[in-house]
């Protein structure tokens, strides 16, 4: 038997992935596995653009509302849980659509997690102290001296990744880039057809602005207040994400409502640009104009026929 076929729908935020996934899953009798690092959290509904109850009643969705906001969740946990669901759907003979904008989760699902050394707090704290004493530039120059190929791949201002690269080198004697290269050749347990929705940059900006307006109208402010009323700390990782962070800062008096709305749109656009960079590097993605629904359906049908699901 060949590899089980998965259709992956991966695009930047606000591109219309959910709507396309529901259309395809309805057409082919499939189910959807979310690949969104925030939709896994309960009570974060509006700000994470979760599929509505009506949408979820049309097609079964998985990996949504699986943990509370103060529970640990990461790519490794996601991969373990999502692969079990896929195995169950394989046994039922159901088409599977993996849908989301969290590129790391999709990569981990398809390739597994890179086997890097576990975090050593002593080493990590040493590099954090160096950053706090001397600044990010000093830390990046250290990386350039010790691991030039990692320095070429990492943003000098991204001190989290700079520190991780230095840690890995110190613990293993090997560049994290070499580990990633080796990992990229890992065998994927699935046959995949990747779909991306392509927009003009200005159109995507406009879509982000319109979606932000809808989130506000749907009650994002009340959702954030409700999360804080439940006792969840504003410092929790999910509450530091787009939309939630800006509303919390507004509630804390850091700026007015208009400024909060501007920052949500502005910061979401910058996040979308980072997503575009990530997905642009994946040469397996088939990019489509969102209006080419029939082409997408036909190519999905062909993919499944070629991989013996249809």
Foldseek 3Di string as FASTA:
>chain_A
DAFAEAEEEAAAPLLCQLVLVLVLCLVQVAAEEEQEPQQLEPLPDLQSVHDDPVSCVSHPYPSGPNYHLQDDDDLQNLLVVVVVVVVVVVVVLHHYYYYYHPPSNVCCNFQNDQDFDDDDVVLLVVLVVVCVVPNLQVLLVVCCVQPVVQSVVDDSNPSVSSSVQVRRCVVPVDGVVVSVVVSVPGHTSHHYQYEYADDDLVVSLVSLLVSLVVSVVVPLLVSLVVCVVVVDDCPRPSCCDQSNVLSVCCVVVVDDPVVSSVCSSVVSSVSSVVSCVVVVVDPSYDYDHVVPSVVVSVVVVVVCVVVVSD
